[in-house]
Amino acid sequence: MRIKFAFLILLLFLTGCTLPGAKTPTESGPTSALPTTAPTEVLTPTPGTPLAILVIPASMPRQQADLYQTTINDLAQASGLRFQVRNSLTIAEIELESNLKIVVAFPPDPGLTDLASAVPQVQFLGVTILGLTATANLSIVGGEGTPVDKQAFMAGYIAALLSPDFRVGIITQKDTPDGILAYDAFVNGVTFFCGLCNPQFPPWYEYPVHSEIPTDIPEGQYRFYADPLKDYMVEFAYVFPAVATEDLLDTMSQYGLNIISQARPSDRLEANWVVSIQPKVVPAIQAIWPDLVAGKGRQDLSLPLFLEDVNPDLLSEGKQNDVQQILDRLQRDEISTGVIP
């Protein structure tokens, strides 16, 4: 009986510990959705926190804008900086930001030369903005655009490397400075690999075969300029990015031509696509960022090139390693393209 009485007292005590209306916590249950949009400023603003600003146009494609925002955001956070994104920037606006440390801007040029002159204590970086001159607080990435000569030189080297009898070709835009530059650099890339590069077996045509597309030709007719490469039995060809329409590339693939260019537009070209030689902005920004944080300006970097969309059936691992070594040496200026951009 005493045991029952004691148990009753204990039960009443435990019951009294539960507040009326209280809910017992559970492991699962509905939760409120959280917003997924990243805030403009990623650190809590304080008077002493330095600020980094990214200036990009509102018209920039969303995927591209997201990439650049994420890149600068990550770099700023790692450096202990606040981060903002703006679509424009004026001298009056930056003079209000007493803790502004770094400004990174993409085309169109918001007037970086004047902005840098107005606030010499701030480091500015112009990315792929043409016509800038580096100064003590203004640095440049890709100020000359894509390194056309290095891109074409590597394409020539790869084409000659892979073609057993050096039957290579190139399609460019006629009578344009970049088109002429690309052809000359391509020829030098071929020569760098094989010297005279004379075919050992007939037919003995003159290589590289060069097909030029006039600037006044509609894009819908570009595909016809693949015919000379097919007629002269070209095996590997470089297509200058300015004329690399999907229609032209499809035609080349149907002809059995193996293609090197800047970007593969479709997976259906995979079997005939050798490699993409792509310029990339983000690695260049990442490379120059420590100098900006340290207050070191006057940097001028070219856009680095990378091998993408590699087809291992055409460019084996061993040959890819060889190509990568040549590309690395080219970008360290240990090898010259033989042309002046």
Protein backbone atom coordinates (compact mmCIF):
# COMPACT_ATOMS: atom_id res chain seq x y z
CA MET A 1 0.00 0.00 0.00
CA ARG A 2 2.89 2.33 0.88
CA ILE A 3 4.46 1.59 -2.51
CA LYS A 4 1.24 2.53 -4.34
CA PHE A 5 0.96 5.76 -2.36
CA ALA A 6 4.54 6.75 -3.11
CA PHE A 7 4.05 6.04 -6.83
CA LEU A 8 0.92 8.26 -6.85
CA ILE A 9 2.84 11.14 -5.24
CA LEU A 10 5.64 10.82 -7.85
CA LEU A 11 3.12 10.80 -10.71
CA LEU A 12 1.45 13.98 -9.45
CA PHE A 13 4.86 15.67 -9.14
CA LEU A 14 5.87 14.89 -12.73
CA THR A 15 2.49 15.99 -14.08
CA GLY A 16 2.83 19.31 -12.34
CA CYS A 17 6.12 19.98 -14.16
CA THR A 18 4.33 20.31 -17.49
CA LEU A 19 3.01 23.81 -18.14
CA PRO A 20 -0.54 24.09 -19.39
CA GLY A 21 -0.64 24.41 -23.18
CA ALA A 22 3.07 23.57 -23.62
CA LYS A 23 4.01 21.47 -26.66
CA THR A 24 6.47 18.65 -26.51
CA PRO A 25 9.38 19.23 -28.96
CA THR A 26 9.50 16.88 -31.94
CA GLU A 27 12.31 15.84 -34.37
CA SER A 28 10.35 16.72 -37.48
CA GLY A 29 7.54 18.93 -38.54
CA PRO A 30 6.69 21.75 -40.93
CA THR A 31 9.15 24.64 -40.99
CA SER A 32 8.86 28.09 -42.52
CA ALA A 33 10.57 28.57 -45.86
CA LEU A 34 13.62 30.82 -45.71
CA PRO A 35 14.40 33.32 -48.42
CA THR A 36 17.07 32.07 -50.82
CA THR A 37 18.08 35.41 -52.28
CA ALA A 38 21.53 36.48 -51.13
CA PRO A 39 21.65 39.84 -49.37
CA THR A 40 23.44 42.70 -51.05
CA GLU A 41 25.82 43.02 -48.09
CA VAL A 42 27.13 39.74 -46.77
CA LEU A 43 28.70 41.07 -43.57
CA THR A 44 27.04 43.17 -40.90
CA PRO A 45 27.99 46.77 -41.71
CA THR A 46 30.15 48.41 -39.09
CA PRO A 47 31.98 51.74 -39.26
CA GLY A 48 35.38 50.07 -39.49
CA THR A 49 34.61 47.27 -41.99
CA PRO A 50 36.18 47.85 -45.44
CA LEU A 51 33.92 47.58 -48.45
CA ALA A 52 34.25 45.91 -51.86
CA ILE A 53 31.89 46.90 -54.66
CA LEU A 54 31.15 44.94 -57.86
CA VAL A 55 29.79 47.02 -60.74
CA ILE A 56 27.94 45.01 -63.40
CA PRO A 57 25.28 46.13 -65.89
CA ALA A 58 21.66 45.20 -65.25
CA SER A 59 21.59 43.70 -68.76
CA MET A 60 24.28 41.10 -68.01
CA PRO A 61 22.95 37.52 -68.46
CA ARG A 62 21.79 36.10 -65.14
CA GLN A 63 24.08 33.06 -65.10
CA GLN A 64 27.11 35.21 -65.84
CA ALA A 65 26.13 37.84 -63.27
CA ASP A 66 25.62 35.16 -60.60
CA LEU A 67 29.06 33.72 -61.31
CA TYR A 68 30.81 37.07 -60.90
CA GLN A 69 28.80 37.99 -57.81
CA THR A 70 29.61 34.68 -56.16
CA THR A 71 33.29 35.05 -57.04
CA ILE A 72 33.70 38.56 -55.61
CA ASN A 73 31.48 37.73 -52.65
CA ASP A 74 33.68 34.77 -51.70
CA LEU A 75 36.90 36.76 -52.15
CA ALA A 76 35.53 39.67 -50.12
CA GLN A 77 34.39 37.48 -47.25
CA ALA A 78 37.73 35.67 -47.14
CA SER A 79 39.43 39.07 -46.90
CA GLY A 80 37.11 40.40 -44.20
CA LEU A 81 35.37 42.89 -46.48
CA ARG A 82 31.74 43.84 -46.85
CA PHE A 83 30.35 43.31 -50.34
CA GLN A 84 27.90 45.26 -52.48
CA VAL A 85 26.65 44.91 -56.06
CA ARG A 86 25.74 47.97 -58.07
CA ASN A 87 24.76 48.66 -61.66
CA SER A 88 26.57 52.00 -61.80
CA LEU A 89 28.98 54.06 -59.74
CA THR A 90 29.76 57.79 -59.66
CA ILE A 91 32.44 59.88 -58.01
CA ALA A 92 29.81 61.38 -55.69
CA GLU A 93 28.73 57.91 -54.56
CA ILE A 94 32.21 56.60 -53.83
CA GLU A 95 33.13 59.74 -51.90
CA LEU A 96 30.32 58.85 -49.48
CA GLU A 97 31.90 55.43 -48.80
CA SER A 98 34.72 56.30 -46.40
CA ASN A 99 35.65 52.62 -45.96
CA LEU A 100 35.63 51.69 -49.64
CA LYS A 101 38.67 49.55 -50.42
CA ILE A 102 38.12 47.73 -53.75
CA VAL A 103 35.95 48.29 -56.84
CA VAL A 104 35.66 45.63 -59.56
CA ALA A 105 33.89 46.70 -62.74
CA PHE A 106 32.76 44.99 -65.96
CA PRO A 107 31.78 46.66 -69.27
CA PRO A 108 30.45 49.15 -69.98
CA ASP A 109 33.18 51.27 -68.43
CA PRO A 110 31.70 53.30 -65.55
CA GLY A 111 34.55 55.78 -65.97
CA LEU A 112 37.22 53.90 -64.04
CA THR A 113 40.05 56.24 -64.97
CA ASP A 114 38.24 59.25 -63.48
CA LEU A 115 37.00 57.25 -60.47
CA ALA A 116 40.51 56.00 -59.70
CA SER A 117 41.90 59.51 -59.97
CA ALA A 118 39.24 60.88 -57.60
CA VAL A 119 39.91 58.37 -54.79
CA PRO A 120 43.56 57.26 -54.92
CA GLN A 121 43.20 55.29 -51.69
CA VAL A 122 40.82 52.81 -53.38
CA GLN A 123 41.98 49.97 -55.65
CA PHE A 124 40.05 49.57 -58.91
CA LEU A 125 39.96 46.58 -61.27
CA GLY A 126 38.61 46.81 -64.81
CA VAL A 127 37.66 43.41 -66.23
CA THR A 128 37.59 43.04 -70.05
CA ILE A 129 37.14 46.81 -70.40
CA LEU A 130 39.03 47.97 -73.47
CA GLY A 131 41.12 51.14 -73.62
CA LEU A 132 42.22 51.37 -69.99
CA THR A 133 45.75 52.17 -68.82
CA ALA A 134 46.96 50.69 -65.53
CA THR A 135 47.85 53.22 -62.82
CA ALA A 136 48.91 53.12 -59.17
CA ASN A 137 45.36 52.24 -58.11
CA LEU A 138 43.88 50.90 -61.35
CA SER A 139 44.54 47.34 -62.51
CA ILE A 140 43.30 45.54 -65.60
CA VAL A 141 42.26 41.99 -66.47
CA GLY A 142 41.68 41.11 -70.12
CA GLY A 143 42.08 44.70 -71.28
CA GLU A 144 42.86 43.47 -74.80
CA GLY A 145 40.03 40.95 -74.83
CA THR A 146 40.61 37.31 -75.69
CA PRO A 147 44.28 36.52 -76.48
CA VAL A 148 43.48 35.68 -80.10
CA ASP A 149 47.07 34.91 -81.04
CA LYS A 150 47.67 32.43 -78.21
CA GLN A 151 44.33 30.75 -78.80
CA ALA A 152 45.04 30.26 -82.52
CA PHE A 153 48.67 29.23 -81.93
CA MET A 154 47.52 26.44 -79.60
CA ALA A 155 44.87 25.37 -82.11
CA GLY A 156 47.55 25.08 -84.81
CA TYR A 157 49.82 23.10 -82.51
CA ILE A 158 47.01 20.69 -81.54
CA ALA A 159 45.83 20.23 -85.14
CA ALA A 160 49.34 19.39 -86.35
CA LEU A 161 49.93 17.10 -83.37
CA LEU A 162 46.82 15.05 -84.13
CA SER A 163 46.85 14.97 -87.94
CA PRO A 164 49.10 12.08 -89.08
CA ASP A 165 49.93 13.82 -92.36
CA PHE A 166 49.51 17.43 -91.16
CA ARG A 167 46.32 17.96 -93.18
CA VAL A 168 45.00 20.88 -91.15
CA GLY A 169 42.87 23.92 -91.87
CA ILE A 170 41.40 27.08 -90.42
CA ILE A 171 38.25 29.14 -90.99
CA THR A 172 38.49 32.85 -90.18
CA GLN A 173 36.78 36.14 -90.92
CA LYS A 174 38.17 37.85 -94.01
CA ASP A 175 39.99 41.21 -93.87
CA THR A 176 39.64 41.75 -90.15
CA PRO A 177 42.64 42.39 -87.86
CA ASP A 178 41.75 39.51 -85.53
CA GLY A 179 41.09 37.17 -88.44
CA ILE A 180 44.49 37.91 -89.96
CA LEU A 181 46.15 37.62 -86.56
CA ALA A 182 44.48 34.26 -85.91
CA TYR A 183 45.61 32.82 -89.25
CA ASP A 184 49.23 33.90 -88.79
CA ALA A 185 49.35 32.55 -85.23
CA PHE A 186 47.71 29.29 -86.30
CA VAL A 187 50.34 28.76 -89.01
CA ASN A 188 53.08 29.47 -86.46
CA GLY A 189 51.55 26.93 -84.08
CA VAL A 190 51.57 24.30 -86.82
CA THR A 191 55.17 25.13 -87.71
CA PHE A 192 56.20 25.03 -84.06
CA PHE A 193 55.16 21.39 -83.94
CA CYS A 194 56.28 20.04 -87.29
CA GLY A 195 58.46 22.55 -89.13
CA LEU A 196 57.75 22.30 -92.87
CA CYS A 197 54.90 19.84 -92.19
CA ASN A 198 54.93 18.36 -95.70
CA PRO A 199 52.44 15.51 -96.24
CA GLN A 200 54.13 12.18 -96.94
CA PHE A 201 51.36 10.80 -99.13
CA PRO A 202 49.24 12.25 -101.97
CA PRO A 203 47.29 14.30 -102.61
CA TRP A 204 49.97 16.95 -102.01
CA TYR A 205 47.94 20.05 -101.36
CA GLU A 206 49.30 23.10 -99.59
CA TYR A 207 48.41 23.14 -95.92
CA PRO A 208 47.04 24.70 -93.80
CA VAL A 209 43.92 25.17 -95.93
CA HIS A 210 42.51 28.62 -95.21
CA SER A 211 38.83 29.41 -95.71
CA GLU A 212 37.87 33.07 -95.19
CA ILE A 213 34.31 34.24 -94.59
CA PRO A 214 33.63 37.80 -95.80
CA THR A 215 32.15 40.13 -93.18
CA ASP A 216 29.11 40.89 -95.36
CA ILE A 217 28.05 37.25 -95.69
CA PRO A 218 24.87 36.31 -93.75
CA GLU A 219 25.49 33.80 -90.97
CA GLY A 220 23.12 31.38 -92.64
CA GLN A 221 25.69 30.96 -95.43
CA TYR A 222 28.71 30.33 -93.21
CA ARG A 223 28.30 26.58 -93.61
CA PHE A 224 29.38 26.76 -97.28
CA TYR A 225 32.85 27.85 -96.17
CA ALA A 226 33.48 24.39 -94.75
CA ASP A 227 33.54 23.01 -98.30
CA PRO A 228 37.18 23.92 -99.11
CA LEU A 229 38.34 22.02 -96.03
CA LYS A 230 36.36 18.97 -97.08
CA ASP A 231 37.51 19.23 -100.71
CA TYR A 232 41.19 19.39 -99.71
CA MET A 233 40.86 16.48 -97.27
CA VAL A 234 41.53 18.43 -94.07
CA GLU A 235 41.35 16.25 -90.96
CA PHE A 236 41.64 18.76 -88.11
CA ALA A 237 40.48 22.37 -88.30
CA TYR A 238 40.33 25.47 -86.14
CA VAL A 239 37.25 27.67 -86.35
CA PHE A 240 37.81 31.30 -85.36
CA PRO A 241 35.26 32.03 -82.58
CA ALA A 242 33.70 35.03 -84.36
CA VAL A 243 32.46 32.77 -87.17
CA ALA A 244 31.80 29.58 -85.18
CA THR A 245 28.05 29.41 -85.73
CA GLU A 246 26.27 26.22 -84.80
CA ASP A 247 25.20 25.73 -88.42
CA LEU A 248 28.81 25.89 -89.66
CA LEU A 249 30.03 23.53 -86.94
CA ASP A 250 27.22 21.06 -87.67
CA THR A 251 28.20 21.06 -91.35
CA MET A 252 31.84 20.42 -90.49
CA SER A 253 30.84 17.55 -88.24
CA GLN A 254 28.73 16.03 -91.01
CA TYR A 255 31.79 16.23 -93.28
CA GLY A 256 33.79 14.29 -90.72
CA LEU A 257 36.07 17.22 -89.88
CA ASN A 258 37.50 17.29 -86.36
CA ILE A 259 36.96 20.68 -84.78
CA ILE A 260 38.93 22.94 -82.42
CA SER A 261 37.36 26.22 -81.31
CA GLN A 262 36.50 28.29 -78.25
CA ALA A 263 33.32 26.58 -77.06
CA ARG A 264 31.31 23.51 -78.03
CA PRO A 265 27.72 24.71 -78.53
CA SER A 266 26.04 21.31 -78.49
CA ASP A 267 26.64 17.77 -77.23
CA ARG A 268 25.79 16.41 -80.66
CA LEU A 269 29.18 17.67 -81.83
CA GLU A 270 30.96 15.64 -79.17
CA ALA A 271 32.30 12.91 -81.49
CA ASN A 272 34.07 15.43 -83.76
CA TRP A 273 34.98 18.00 -81.13
CA VAL A 274 38.66 17.84 -80.21
CA VAL A 275 38.92 20.49 -77.51
CA SER A 276 37.75 23.97 -76.55
CA ILE A 277 40.42 26.59 -75.90
CA GLN A 278 38.60 28.93 -73.55
CA PRO A 279 39.57 32.25 -71.96
CA LYS A 280 38.32 32.54 -68.37
CA VAL A 281 37.82 35.66 -66.27
CA VAL A 282 37.38 34.19 -62.78
CA PRO A 283 40.87 32.66 -62.37
CA ALA A 284 42.42 35.99 -63.40
CA ILE A 285 40.37 37.89 -60.81
CA GLN A 286 41.31 35.35 -58.16
CA ALA A 287 44.99 35.70 -59.07
CA ILE A 288 45.02 39.50 -58.84
CA TRP A 289 42.80 39.83 -55.74
CA PRO A 290 45.59 39.56 -53.09
CA ASP A 291 47.36 42.52 -54.74
CA LEU A 292 44.17 44.58 -54.61
CA VAL A 293 43.70 43.80 -50.92
CA ALA A 294 47.34 44.73 -50.27
CA GLY A 295 46.85 48.07 -52.05
CA LYS A 296 49.05 47.15 -54.99
CA GLY A 297 47.80 48.49 -58.31
CA ARG A 298 49.18 48.88 -61.82
CA GLN A 299 48.59 45.18 -62.63
CA ASP A 300 47.76 44.20 -66.20
CA LEU A 301 46.83 40.54 -66.75
CA SER A 302 45.77 38.78 -69.92
CA LEU A 303 42.85 36.38 -69.80
CA PRO A 304 44.24 32.89 -69.13
CA LEU A 305 43.33 30.06 -71.51
CA PHE A 306 42.09 26.64 -70.43
CA LEU A 307 41.51 23.33 -72.21
CA GLU A 308 37.85 22.33 -71.91
CA ASP A 309 35.52 19.78 -73.55
CA VAL A 310 38.48 17.47 -74.20
CA ASN A 311 37.63 14.46 -76.35
CA PRO A 312 39.86 11.62 -75.08
CA ASP A 313 39.20 9.62 -78.24
CA LEU A 314 40.92 12.33 -80.27
CA LEU A 315 43.22 13.94 -77.71
CA SER A 316 44.60 11.19 -75.49
CA GLU A 317 45.74 11.82 -71.94
CA GLY A 318 49.41 11.74 -72.94
CA LYS A 319 48.93 14.20 -75.80
CA GLN A 320 46.74 16.39 -73.60
CA ASN A 321 49.58 16.58 -71.08
CA ASP A 322 51.92 17.63 -73.88
CA VAL A 323 49.47 20.30 -75.04
CA GLN A 324 49.00 21.57 -71.49
CA GLN A 325 52.76 21.98 -71.06
CA ILE A 326 52.98 24.01 -74.27
CA LEU A 327 50.01 26.14 -73.16
CA ASP A 328 51.61 26.78 -69.77
CA ARG A 329 54.88 27.83 -71.39
CA LEU A 330 53.03 30.04 -73.85
CA GLN A 331 51.20 31.81 -71.04
CA ARG A 332 54.46 32.31 -69.15
CA ASP A 333 55.84 33.94 -72.31
CA GLU A 334 58.49 31.24 -72.65
CA ILE A 335 57.11 30.59 -76.16
CA SER A 336 56.17 33.34 -78.59
CA THR A 337 53.27 33.14 -81.02
CA GLY A 338 55.44 34.97 -83.55
CA VAL A 339 52.86 37.70 -84.11
CA ILE A 340 52.17 41.07 -82.51
CA PRO A 341 48.60 41.43 -81.22
